[in-house]
Amino acid sequence: EALFATTTLYHRIAMGALKPLFRMYPKYKLYVTGHGPTAAASATLTAFSLSTAPTTPKPVSCFTTATPRVGDYRYLQAATALETLRFLRTARIVLQGDACRSRKPCWGLSHAGFQVELIKDTPPKKQETKDETLPLTADQGADSSEGPEIAVTYPKLEDTCWNRMGRAWRNAHGQSAGFFSENDYYAAIQAHQEALQSCDLNE
């Protein structure tokens, strides 16, 4: 409830401040960002909300780091529909091993949008492509050059409840190395700059 109230407040503040700017600069684009359990979650839901407003430029782009799950399956369906309509574009940047993306409690909650995982040292193994996601093919922007790599995935709507619960359990107990700060993410993004620049999420 607190997160919903905060998101509603952000929406009202943003629309009040941005409406005059949209009229003055109709070609401007809207980006929403945030890091960590509170700011990233609020940014994700605020971008979702703003993308439904008729006066905001589309798509509303949301880029977050260390983002927890924020919505149930109905939210995942709605966010996917908005992305299909190009009203919304969501990208969660994840540092490999970050516990924040699977932070408990997460039962019944889903991630939406693209997950861009920054691989630390070695390229991702085939089994690391989770059954909740569809891997981005090479011609869609996945990096194949030497050096630090990224893994881009997108949720599947047709997944079963049991599979989602199983992944939530595994993510919460078996795949987390710890929590990472904004400085950790900044350093990782700099190290993966070449791979990130080659990735186009709008195609």
Protein backbone atom coordinates (compact mmCIF):
# COMPACT_ATOMS: atom_id res chain seq x y z
CA GLU A 1 0.00 0.00 0.00
CA ALA A 2 2.86 2.39 0.82
CA LEU A 3 4.50 1.68 -2.54
CA PHE A 4 1.19 2.23 -4.36
CA ALA A 5 0.65 5.52 -2.52
CA THR A 6 4.20 6.65 -3.35
CA THR A 7 3.72 5.76 -7.02
CA THR A 8 0.42 7.64 -7.14
CA LEU A 9 2.12 10.68 -5.60
CA TYR A 10 4.99 10.48 -8.10
CA HIS A 11 2.49 10.25 -10.96
CA ARG A 12 0.66 13.36 -9.82
CA ILE A 13 3.86 15.32 -9.29
CA ALA A 14 5.29 14.21 -12.63
CA MET A 15 2.15 15.04 -14.58
CA GLY A 16 1.87 18.44 -12.90
CA ALA A 17 5.47 19.29 -13.68
CA LEU A 18 5.73 17.65 -17.09
CA LYS A 19 2.50 18.67 -18.82
CA PRO A 20 3.72 22.23 -19.56
CA LEU A 21 7.05 20.83 -20.82
CA PHE A 22 5.30 18.37 -23.12
CA ARG A 23 3.39 21.25 -24.68
CA MET A 24 6.54 23.36 -25.06
CA TYR A 25 8.73 20.51 -26.31
CA PRO A 26 6.49 17.97 -28.08
CA LYS A 27 9.48 16.00 -29.40
CA TYR A 28 10.93 15.35 -25.95
CA LYS A 29 11.10 11.77 -24.65
CA LEU A 30 10.28 10.66 -21.12
CA TYR A 31 12.69 8.49 -19.12
CA VAL A 32 12.10 7.17 -15.59
CA THR A 33 14.99 5.72 -13.58
CA GLY A 34 15.68 4.33 -10.12
CA HIS A 35 18.02 2.04 -8.16
CA GLY A 36 17.29 -0.44 -5.40
CA PRO A 37 14.23 -1.95 -3.71
CA THR A 38 12.38 1.33 -3.16
CA ALA A 39 13.48 3.72 -5.91
CA ALA A 40 13.58 1.11 -8.69
CA ALA A 41 10.21 -0.33 -7.69
CA SER A 42 8.65 3.14 -7.56
CA ALA A 43 10.21 4.05 -10.91
CA THR A 44 8.87 0.86 -12.52
CA LEU A 45 5.31 1.44 -11.34
CA THR A 46 5.45 5.18 -12.06
CA ALA A 47 6.57 4.53 -15.65
CA PHE A 48 3.78 1.96 -16.01
CA SER A 49 1.26 4.52 -14.77
CA LEU A 50 2.60 7.39 -16.90
CA SER A 51 2.53 5.25 -20.03
CA THR A 52 -1.27 5.05 -19.74
CA ALA A 53 -1.69 8.85 -19.62
CA PRO A 54 -2.84 10.23 -23.00
CA THR A 55 -0.63 13.34 -22.75
CA THR A 56 2.74 11.63 -22.21
CA PRO A 57 5.04 11.01 -25.18
CA LYS A 58 5.32 7.34 -26.10
CA PRO A 59 7.01 5.14 -25.34
CA VAL A 60 7.72 5.98 -21.72
CA SER A 61 11.14 4.43 -21.13
CA CYS A 62 12.07 2.99 -17.73
CA PHE A 63 15.63 1.99 -16.87
CA THR A 64 16.27 0.61 -13.39
CA THR A 65 19.01 -1.25 -11.54
CA ALA A 66 18.69 -3.76 -8.69
CA THR A 67 14.93 -3.97 -9.21
CA PRO A 68 12.71 -6.29 -7.14
CA ARG A 69 9.50 -7.86 -8.39
CA VAL A 70 6.68 -5.32 -8.17
CA GLY A 71 3.47 -6.83 -9.56
CA ASP A 72 1.39 -9.96 -9.97
CA TYR A 73 0.55 -11.84 -13.16
CA ARG A 74 -2.09 -9.28 -14.14
CA TYR A 75 0.56 -6.57 -13.93
CA LEU A 76 2.85 -8.66 -16.16
CA GLN A 77 0.03 -9.04 -18.70
CA ALA A 78 -0.74 -5.32 -18.67
CA ALA A 79 2.91 -4.26 -18.90
CA THR A 80 3.50 -6.66 -21.80
CA ALA A 81 0.44 -5.27 -23.60
CA LEU A 82 1.69 -1.70 -23.13
CA GLU A 83 5.09 -2.69 -24.49
CA THR A 84 3.47 -4.39 -27.48
CA LEU A 85 1.62 -1.14 -28.20
CA ARG A 86 4.93 0.75 -27.77
CA PHE A 87 3.47 2.82 -24.95
CA LEU A 88 6.08 1.50 -22.51
CA ARG A 89 9.64 0.23 -22.67
CA THR A 90 11.08 -1.30 -19.50
CA ALA A 91 14.64 -2.50 -18.99
CA ARG A 92 15.95 -3.87 -15.68
CA ILE A 93 19.73 -3.87 -15.50
CA VAL A 94 20.89 -6.68 -13.22
CA LEU A 95 24.38 -7.37 -11.95
CA GLN A 96 24.99 -11.11 -11.93
CA GLY A 97 24.51 -12.46 -8.42
CA ASP A 98 22.56 -9.47 -7.09
CA ALA A 99 20.09 -10.67 -4.46
CA CYS A 100 17.84 -7.63 -4.91
CA ARG A 101 16.02 -8.99 -7.96
CA SER A 102 14.87 -12.02 -5.96
CA ARG A 103 14.44 -10.28 -2.64
CA LYS A 104 11.80 -11.87 -0.43
CA PRO A 105 8.85 -11.74 -0.17
CA CYS A 106 8.32 -12.48 -3.86
CA TRP A 107 5.61 -15.16 -3.97
CA GLY A 108 3.07 -14.42 -6.68
CA LEU A 109 5.05 -11.45 -8.00
CA SER A 110 6.58 -11.12 -11.45
CA HIS A 111 9.21 -9.12 -13.26
CA ALA A 112 8.11 -7.37 -16.45
CA GLY A 113 10.04 -5.96 -19.38
CA PHE A 114 13.53 -6.76 -20.54
CA GLN A 115 16.11 -8.07 -18.11
CA VAL A 116 19.64 -7.03 -19.07
CA GLU A 117 22.03 -9.09 -16.97
CA LEU A 118 25.64 -7.98 -16.76
CA ILE A 119 27.78 -11.12 -16.74
CA LYS A 120 30.80 -10.73 -14.45
CA ASP A 121 33.62 -12.79 -15.90
CA THR A 122 32.44 -15.58 -18.18
CA PRO A 123 29.78 -15.77 -20.90
CA PRO A 124 26.43 -17.24 -19.77
CA LYS A 125 26.02 -20.99 -20.02
CA LYS A 126 23.05 -22.38 -21.93
CA GLN A 127 21.30 -23.58 -18.79
CA GLU A 128 21.47 -20.07 -17.34
CA THR A 129 18.71 -18.96 -19.73
CA LYS A 130 15.79 -19.31 -17.33
CA ASP A 131 12.56 -20.95 -18.43
CA GLU A 132 10.69 -17.75 -17.58
CA THR A 133 12.36 -15.90 -20.43
CA LEU A 134 12.92 -15.86 -24.13
CA PRO A 135 16.56 -15.15 -25.08
CA LEU A 136 17.25 -12.29 -27.48
CA THR A 137 18.79 -13.62 -30.68
CA ALA A 138 22.04 -12.28 -32.07
CA ASP A 139 20.37 -10.30 -34.87
CA GLN A 140 18.16 -8.63 -32.29
CA GLY A 141 21.09 -7.08 -30.49
CA ALA A 142 22.62 -9.71 -28.19
CA ASP A 143 26.34 -9.16 -27.84
CA SER A 144 28.68 -11.80 -29.23
CA SER A 145 32.04 -9.99 -29.05
CA GLU A 146 34.87 -10.76 -26.68
CA GLY A 147 35.01 -9.15 -23.26
CA PRO A 148 32.28 -8.62 -20.67
CA GLU A 149 28.95 -9.92 -21.95
CA ILE A 150 25.28 -9.33 -21.32
CA ALA A 151 22.27 -11.66 -21.35
CA VAL A 152 18.96 -10.13 -22.45
CA THR A 153 15.73 -11.97 -21.67
CA TYR A 154 11.99 -11.30 -21.70
CA PRO A 155 9.18 -12.94 -19.66
CA LYS A 156 6.84 -15.55 -21.07
CA LEU A 157 3.14 -14.96 -20.40
CA GLU A 158 2.20 -18.62 -20.89
CA ASP A 159 4.34 -19.88 -18.03
CA THR A 160 2.68 -21.89 -15.26
CA CYS A 161 2.16 -20.78 -11.68
CA TRP A 162 4.25 -23.71 -10.37
CA ASN A 163 7.18 -22.77 -12.61
CA ARG A 164 7.05 -19.17 -11.41
CA MET A 165 6.93 -20.29 -7.77
CA GLY A 166 9.85 -22.66 -8.33
CA ARG A 167 11.97 -19.91 -9.86
CA ALA A 168 11.09 -17.54 -7.03
CA TRP A 169 12.32 -20.14 -4.54
CA ARG A 170 15.54 -20.83 -6.47
CA ASN A 171 16.26 -17.13 -6.95
CA ALA A 172 15.68 -16.40 -3.28
CA HIS A 173 17.85 -19.25 -1.97
CA GLY A 174 20.33 -20.43 -4.55
CA GLN A 175 21.47 -17.78 -7.03
CA SER A 176 22.27 -14.72 -4.93
CA ALA A 177 25.74 -13.56 -3.99
CA GLY A 178 24.75 -10.42 -2.11
CA PHE A 179 23.55 -6.87 -2.56
CA PHE A 180 25.36 -4.35 -4.75
CA SER A 181 25.51 -0.57 -4.43
CA GLU A 182 24.98 2.14 -7.02
CA ASN A 183 28.76 2.40 -7.35
CA ASP A 184 28.98 -1.33 -8.11
CA TYR A 185 26.39 -0.94 -10.84
CA TYR A 186 28.09 2.16 -12.24
CA ALA A 187 31.41 0.29 -12.51
CA ALA A 188 29.73 -2.74 -14.10
CA ILE A 189 27.86 -0.61 -16.65
CA GLN A 190 31.12 1.10 -17.59
CA ALA A 191 32.81 -2.28 -18.03
CA HIS A 192 29.93 -3.53 -20.21
CA GLN A 193 29.55 -0.29 -22.17
CA GLU A 194 30.44 -1.79 -25.55
CA ALA A 195 28.01 -4.69 -25.16
CA LEU A 196 25.24 -2.41 -23.95
CA GLN A 197 25.67 0.01 -26.84
CA SER A 198 25.26 -2.85 -29.31
CA CYS A 199 21.91 -3.85 -27.78
CA ASP A 200 18.73 -2.24 -29.19
CA LEU A 201 15.61 -3.09 -27.17
CA ASN A 202 13.31 -1.31 -29.59
CA GLU A 203 13.80 -3.85 -32.37
